[in-house]
């Protein structure tokens, strides 16, 4: 049985959206954060990268489902986990720059994907 062409297009579009969100998003956020170095940002090695990737996957998925208000749950969960660290102004600014740039990237990719879906 042949798969309908439309299904292949959809699968390719979703795969591309997630690939761009995961790979390019990591480079964009790292590029932005390099401009704001913070000493003493501890934690597990590469944990920030993994958290950022998961965050962008969640945000992209929520955008694709049209659940924009649920994106705030991602931000809330991250803020609760880092509550004590956010009391340090320098870290809080670094955290917000990283979080917002990551979320905005995923939001942009999600909205572009939704627009492309409407064109199919």
C-alpha atoms as a PDB file:
ATOM      1  CA  UNK A   1       0.000   0.000   0.000  1.00  0.00           C
ATOM      2  CA  UNK A   2       1.335   3.403  -0.923  1.00  0.00           C
ATOM      3  CA  UNK A   3       1.371   6.196   1.627  1.00  0.00           C
ATOM      4  CA  UNK A   4      -0.533   9.257   0.410  1.00  0.00           C
ATOM      5  CA  UNK A   5       1.790  12.071  -0.685  1.00  0.00           C
ATOM      6  CA  UNK A   6       0.088  14.470   1.704  1.00  0.00           C
ATOM      7  CA  UNK A   7       1.063  12.257   4.655  1.00  0.00           C
ATOM      8  CA  UNK A   8       4.684  12.235   3.544  1.00  0.00           C
ATOM      9  CA  UNK A   9       4.656  16.029   3.266  1.00  0.00           C
ATOM     10  CA  UNK A  10       3.214  16.352   6.769  1.00  0.00           C
ATOM     11  CA  UNK A  11       5.735  13.937   8.246  1.00  0.00           C
ATOM     12  CA  UNK A  12       8.599  15.760   6.536  1.00  0.00           C
ATOM     13  CA  UNK A  13       7.339  19.138   7.746  1.00  0.00           C
ATOM     14  CA  UNK A  14       7.010  17.956  11.349  1.00  0.00           C
ATOM     15  CA  UNK A  15      10.404  16.216  11.246  1.00  0.00           C
ATOM     16  CA  UNK A  16      12.018  19.372   9.860  1.00  0.00           C
ATOM     17  CA  UNK A  17      10.335  21.545  12.501  1.00  0.00           C
ATOM     18  CA  UNK A  18      11.600  19.368  15.347  1.00  0.00           C
ATOM     19  CA  UNK A  19      15.082  19.036  13.814  1.00  0.00           C
ATOM     20  CA  UNK A  20      15.408  22.801  13.398  1.00  0.00           C
ATOM     21  CA  UNK A  21      14.043  23.421  16.883  1.00  0.00           C
ATOM     22  CA  UNK A  22      16.453  20.962  18.478  1.00  0.00           C
ATOM     23  CA  UNK A  23      19.662  21.598  16.539  1.00  0.00           C
ATOM     24  CA  UNK A  24      19.483  25.183  15.302  1.00  0.00           C
ATOM     25  CA  UNK A  25      17.784  26.269  18.515  1.00  0.00           C
ATOM     26  CA  UNK A  26      20.745  25.059  20.555  1.00  0.00           C
ATOM     27  CA  UNK A  27      23.169  27.062  18.418  1.00  0.00           C
ATOM     28  CA  UNK A  28      21.038  30.215  18.498  1.00  0.00           C
ATOM     29  CA  UNK A  29      20.606  30.130  22.276  1.00  0.00           C
ATOM     30  CA  UNK A  30      24.312  29.369  22.826  1.00  0.00           C
ATOM     31  CA  UNK A  31      25.242  32.267  20.517  1.00  0.00           C
ATOM     32  CA  UNK A  32      23.008  34.653  22.460  1.00  0.00           C
ATOM     33  CA  UNK A  33      24.220  33.451  25.867  1.00  0.00           C
ATOM     34  CA  UNK A  34      27.878  33.836  24.854  1.00  0.00           C
ATOM     35  CA  UNK A  35      27.279  37.581  24.871  1.00  0.00           C
ATOM     36  CA  UNK A  36      26.282  37.397  28.559  1.00  0.00           C
ATOM     37  CA  UNK A  37      28.850  35.217  30.354  1.00  0.00           C
ATOM     38  CA  UNK A  38      28.079  34.410  33.983  1.00  0.00           C
ATOM     39  CA  UNK A  39      30.624  32.979  36.394  1.00  0.00           C
ATOM     40  CA  UNK A  40      29.620  30.133  38.636  1.00  0.00           C
ATOM     41  CA  UNK A  41      26.702  28.736  36.668  1.00  0.00           C
ATOM     42  CA  UNK A  42      26.976  25.244  38.108  1.00  0.00           C
ATOM     43  CA  UNK A  43      25.086  22.049  37.580  1.00  0.00           C
ATOM     44  CA  UNK A  44      25.552  18.848  35.681  1.00  0.00           C
ATOM     45  CA  UNK A  45      27.658  18.997  32.551  1.00  0.00           C
ATOM     46  CA  UNK A  46      25.447  19.642  29.500  1.00  0.00           C
ATOM     47  CA  UNK A  47      22.309  19.736  31.679  1.00  0.00           C
ATOM     48  CA  UNK A  48      21.439  23.222  30.427  1.00  0.00           C
ATOM     49  CA  UNK A  49      21.673  22.007  26.838  1.00  0.00           C
ATOM     50  CA  UNK A  50      19.411  19.019  27.552  1.00  0.00           C
ATOM     51  CA  UNK A  51      16.909  21.158  29.463  1.00  0.00           C
ATOM     52  CA  UNK A  52      16.851  23.685  26.619  1.00  0.00           C
ATOM     53  CA  UNK A  53      16.238  20.980  24.029  1.00  0.00           C
ATOM     54  CA  UNK A  54      13.376  19.501  26.065  1.00  0.00           C
ATOM     55  CA  UNK A  55      11.954  22.975  26.643  1.00  0.00           C
ATOM     56  CA  UNK A  56      11.934  23.728  22.915  1.00  0.00           C
ATOM     57  CA  UNK A  57      10.341  20.335  22.142  1.00  0.00           C
ATOM     58  CA  UNK A  58       7.564  21.052  24.666  1.00  0.00           C
ATOM     59  CA  UNK A  59       7.000  24.583  23.362  1.00  0.00           C
ATOM     60  CA  UNK A  60       6.956  23.473  19.716  1.00  0.00           C
ATOM     61  CA  UNK A  61       4.507  20.665  20.485  1.00  0.00           C
ATOM     62  CA  UNK A  62       2.229  23.026  22.404  1.00  0.00           C
ATOM     63  CA  UNK A  63       2.284  25.565  19.562  1.00  0.00           C
ATOM     64  CA  UNK A  64       1.449  22.859  17.019  1.00  0.00           C
ATOM     65  CA  UNK A  65      -1.523  21.868  19.185  1.00  0.00           C
ATOM     66  CA  UNK A  66      -2.548  25.511  19.596  1.00  0.00           C
ATOM     67  CA  UNK A  67      -2.064  25.373  23.370  1.00  0.00           C
ATOM     68  CA  UNK A  68      -0.302  28.708  23.804  1.00  0.00           C
ATOM     69  CA  UNK A  69      -1.342  29.230  27.420  1.00  0.00           C
ATOM     70  CA  UNK A  70       0.165  25.872  28.395  1.00  0.00           C
ATOM     71  CA  UNK A  71       3.575  27.250  27.416  1.00  0.00           C
ATOM     72  CA  UNK A  72       3.470  29.137  30.714  1.00  0.00           C
ATOM     73  CA  UNK A  73       3.554  25.770  32.498  1.00  0.00           C
ATOM     74  CA  UNK A  74       7.005  25.143  31.013  1.00  0.00           C
ATOM     75  CA  UNK A  75       8.222  28.521  32.252  1.00  0.00           C
ATOM     76  CA  UNK A  76       6.645  27.962  35.670  1.00  0.00           C
ATOM     77  CA  UNK A  77       8.208  24.517  36.078  1.00  0.00           C
ATOM     78  CA  UNK A  78      11.649  25.874  35.213  1.00  0.00           C
ATOM     79  CA  UNK A  79      11.223  28.808  37.587  1.00  0.00           C
ATOM     80  CA  UNK A  80      10.169  26.585  40.479  1.00  0.00           C
ATOM     81  CA  UNK A  81      13.168  24.315  39.919  1.00  0.00           C
ATOM     82  CA  UNK A  82      15.532  27.319  39.947  1.00  0.00           C
ATOM     83  CA  UNK A  83      13.752  29.382  42.615  1.00  0.00           C
ATOM     84  CA  UNK A  84      16.736  29.763  44.966  1.00  0.00           C
ATOM     85  CA  UNK A  85      19.157  30.542  42.132  1.00  0.00           C
ATOM     86  CA  UNK A  86      16.844  33.249  40.783  1.00  0.00           C
ATOM     87  CA  UNK A  87      17.500  35.332  43.901  1.00  0.00           C
ATOM     88  CA  UNK A  88      20.944  36.116  42.458  1.00  0.00           C
ATOM     89  CA  UNK A  89      20.375  38.958  40.000  1.00  0.00           C
ATOM     90  CA  UNK A  90      23.188  38.052  37.592  1.00  0.00           C
ATOM     91  CA  UNK A  91      22.029  34.448  37.334  1.00  0.00           C
ATOM     92  CA  UNK A  92      18.369  35.493  37.064  1.00  0.00           C
ATOM     93  CA  UNK A  93      19.155  37.715  34.080  1.00  0.00           C
ATOM     94  CA  UNK A  94      21.212  34.966  32.428  1.00  0.00           C
ATOM     95  CA  UNK A  95      18.422  32.454  33.088  1.00  0.00           C
ATOM     96  CA  UNK A  96      15.746  34.736  31.635  1.00  0.00           C
ATOM     97  CA  UNK A  97      17.793  35.543  28.536  1.00  0.00           C
ATOM     98  CA  UNK A  98      18.396  31.842  27.903  1.00  0.00           C
ATOM     99  CA  UNK A  99      14.834  30.779  28.652  1.00  0.00           C
ATOM    100  CA  UNK A 100      13.164  33.509  26.610  1.00  0.00           C
ATOM    101  CA  UNK A 101      15.490  33.118  23.634  1.00  0.00           C
ATOM    102  CA  UNK A 102      14.889  29.350  23.680  1.00  0.00           C
ATOM    103  CA  UNK A 103      11.123  29.696  23.985  1.00  0.00           C
ATOM    104  CA  UNK A 104      10.907  32.423  21.343  1.00  0.00           C
ATOM    105  CA  UNK A 105      12.910  30.308  18.914  1.00  0.00           C
ATOM    106  CA  UNK A 106      10.569  27.339  19.408  1.00  0.00           C
ATOM    107  CA  UNK A 107       7.541  29.633  19.178  1.00  0.00           C
ATOM    108  CA  UNK A 108       8.818  31.095  15.899  1.00  0.00           C
ATOM    109  CA  UNK A 109       9.458  27.635  14.413  1.00  0.00           C
ATOM    110  CA  UNK A 110       6.042  26.466  15.607  1.00  0.00           C
ATOM    111  CA  UNK A 111       4.217  29.429  14.098  1.00  0.00           C
ATOM    112  CA  UNK A 112       6.141  29.031  10.835  1.00  0.00           C
ATOM    113  CA  UNK A 113       5.189  25.339  10.783  1.00  0.00           C
ATOM    114  CA  UNK A 114       1.520  26.136  11.395  1.00  0.00           C
ATOM    115  CA  UNK A 115       1.649  28.683   8.569  1.00  0.00           C
ATOM    116  CA  UNK A 116       3.254  26.118   6.243  1.00  0.00           C
ATOM    117  CA  UNK A 117       0.604  23.553   7.216  1.00  0.00           C
ATOM    118  CA  UNK A 118      -2.067  26.013   6.153  1.00  0.00           C
ATOM    119  CA  UNK A 119      -0.374  26.277   2.743  1.00  0.00           C
ATOM    120  CA  UNK A 120      -0.574  22.512   2.067  1.00  0.00           C
END
